[in-house]
Amino acid sequence: MNWIEKAFRIGFLGAPLILLLLPSDFFDEGPVVCPSRLFLGVECPGCGLTRATQHLLHGDWQIALDYNPLILITTPILLYLWGRNALHLFKSQQRLKKLSVL
């Protein structure tokens, strides 16, 4: 496994931990990065999802829903994708260990 794959795995699996360590209001202030809001002045359906996710991870349900109610749809999808990919990484790591023993 090369260093790029190792860095990706560490980053992928560590991202939720990093978000939990950051304060819940970490993303509340800052520059607008949504192109729709920057150029057209109109919020898109994804506006506020980062802030909503951060608040949801910290248990601030009402604040998360205020930022973007679509958090109720995106969170289960993100959890499923993260879990599926984490399981895949774990299984591939186990296969590599078995091959190196042989």
Protein backbone atom coordinates (compact mmCIF):
# COMPACT_ATOMS: atom_id res chain seq x y z
CA MET A 1 0.00 0.00 0.00
CA ASN A 2 1.51 3.33 -1.00
CA TRP A 3 1.50 6.50 1.09
CA ILE A 4 -1.41 8.04 -0.86
CA GLU A 5 -3.69 5.11 -0.03
CA LYS A 6 -2.63 5.22 3.63
CA ALA A 7 -3.29 8.96 3.83
CA PHE A 8 -6.70 8.52 2.20
CA ARG A 9 -7.68 5.76 4.62
CA ILE A 10 -6.57 7.73 7.67
CA GLY A 11 -8.37 10.84 6.44
CA PHE A 12 -11.52 8.98 5.48
CA LEU A 13 -11.84 7.08 8.73
CA GLY A 14 -10.70 10.03 10.86
CA ALA A 15 -12.97 12.69 9.35
CA PRO A 16 -15.95 12.02 11.67
CA LEU A 17 -13.63 12.11 14.69
CA ILE A 18 -12.18 15.44 13.60
CA LEU A 19 -15.67 16.88 13.11
CA LEU A 20 -16.64 15.69 16.60
CA LEU A 21 -13.56 17.34 18.10
CA LEU A 22 -14.35 20.67 16.45
CA PRO A 23 -16.87 22.91 18.23
CA SER A 24 -20.45 22.65 16.95
CA ASP A 25 -20.40 26.26 15.72
CA PHE A 26 -17.07 25.89 13.88
CA PHE A 27 -18.62 26.37 10.41
CA ASP A 28 -21.27 28.91 11.42
CA GLU A 29 -19.17 31.90 10.40
CA GLY A 30 -17.01 32.28 7.35
CA PRO A 31 -17.08 33.00 3.65
CA VAL A 32 -19.91 31.86 1.40
CA VAL A 33 -18.68 29.08 -0.90
CA CYS A 34 -21.93 28.15 -2.68
CA PRO A 35 -21.74 29.28 -6.34
CA SER A 36 -25.51 29.74 -6.51
CA ARG A 37 -25.47 32.07 -3.55
CA LEU A 38 -22.30 33.87 -4.66
CA PHE A 39 -23.33 34.59 -8.24
CA LEU A 40 -27.12 34.57 -8.16
CA GLY A 41 -27.87 35.47 -4.54
CA VAL A 42 -30.17 32.44 -4.26
CA GLU A 43 -29.69 29.60 -1.79
CA CYS A 44 -29.54 26.14 -3.31
CA PRO A 45 -30.96 22.99 -1.67
CA GLY A 46 -27.51 22.18 -0.30
CA CYS A 47 -26.93 25.52 1.42
CA GLY A 48 -26.40 25.00 5.13
CA LEU A 49 -25.80 21.25 4.98
CA THR A 50 -22.24 21.49 6.29
CA ARG A 51 -23.34 23.59 9.26
CA ALA A 52 -26.38 21.36 9.80
CA THR A 53 -24.22 18.22 9.75
CA GLN A 54 -21.80 19.69 12.26
CA HIS A 55 -24.61 20.64 14.64
CA LEU A 56 -26.29 17.26 14.18
CA LEU A 57 -23.06 15.45 15.10
CA HIS A 58 -23.04 17.42 18.35
CA GLY A 59 -26.67 16.65 19.11
CA ASP A 60 -28.07 20.09 18.25
CA TRP A 61 -31.08 18.74 16.31
CA GLN A 62 -33.12 21.92 16.24
CA ILE A 63 -30.23 24.09 15.03
CA ALA A 64 -29.40 21.48 12.38
CA LEU A 65 -32.99 21.47 11.13
CA ASP A 66 -33.03 25.27 11.08
CA TYR A 67 -29.95 25.34 8.84
CA ASN A 68 -31.31 22.75 6.40
CA PRO A 69 -34.19 20.28 6.89
CA LEU A 70 -32.69 18.03 4.18
CA ILE A 71 -30.28 16.89 6.89
CA LEU A 72 -32.89 14.24 7.71
CA ILE A 73 -32.30 12.72 4.26
CA THR A 74 -28.59 13.32 3.80
CA THR A 75 -27.41 12.07 7.20
CA PRO A 76 -28.64 8.47 6.78
CA ILE A 77 -27.17 8.41 3.27
CA LEU A 78 -23.81 9.71 4.51
CA LEU A 79 -23.78 7.24 7.40
CA TYR A 80 -24.55 4.36 5.05
CA LEU A 81 -21.83 5.38 2.57
CA TRP A 82 -19.25 5.91 5.32
CA GLY A 83 -20.07 2.58 6.95
CA ARG A 84 -20.01 0.69 3.66
CA ASN A 85 -16.67 2.20 2.68
CA ALA A 86 -15.19 1.70 6.15
CA LEU A 87 -16.21 -1.98 6.00
CA HIS A 88 -14.69 -2.29 2.54
CA LEU A 89 -11.42 -0.74 3.74
CA PHE A 90 -11.36 -3.06 6.75
CA LYS A 91 -11.98 -6.16 4.62
CA SER A 92 -9.32 -5.18 2.09
CA GLN A 93 -6.87 -4.62 4.95
CA GLN A 94 -7.65 -8.10 6.31
CA ARG A 95 -7.09 -9.62 2.86
CA LEU A 96 -3.71 -7.87 2.60
CA LYS A 97 -2.68 -9.24 6.01
CA LYS A 98 -3.65 -12.79 4.96
CA LEU A 99 -1.66 -12.47 1.74
CA SER A 100 1.41 -11.18 3.55
CA VAL A 101 1.35 -14.18 5.93
CA LEU A 102 1.39 -16.64 3.03
